Amino acid sequence: REGWVLLLLPLAIYLAFCLWSFTPTDPGWSHAGGDGPVHNLGGPAGAWIADFLLNFFGGFAFMFPVLVVVVAVRLFREQRVLPGQRPAAAWMVLSVAGIVVSGAALAHLHFWEVASPLPANAGGVVGALVGDGMRQVVGQLGAT
């Protein structure tokens, strides 16, 4: 159990450094980048990870290091990361996915006018798909 915690905490820190040091000129998942050195603190792999997460989830990608820390804390406190019963585990996974998707959609709905250095604006591709879809069905207020 402690071994997993010792692996997860550096992973969370690495993800946070990769996301915070994202530079659009670095090579990544969505583009080739320039010939210059990689500026991301995570190196070339960190540039790819940051570009992928920020493209798909926008600013809400910064929740991924937090989620990794939550899993590490639950492991450290001798709790199961996923409850023992399968329906409870499925609900937990669905709730985390719902939080990430709805957060990205809300970011897209309310911060799309703000000039953003992120590759796909505040909500990313997922936020744009879900947010715009909800806006067309129930309007801005209902989507919020």
Foldseek 3Di string as FASTA:
>chain_A
DVVLLVVLLVVLVLLLQLQVQADPQQQEDVHGHDPDAHRRPNGNVSNHVNLVLCQAFNPLSNCVSVVSVVLSVCVVVVHHSADPDPVRNVVVVVVVVVVSLLVLLVQCLPVVVPDDPGPQHHGHPSNCVLNVVQCVVPNSVRSD
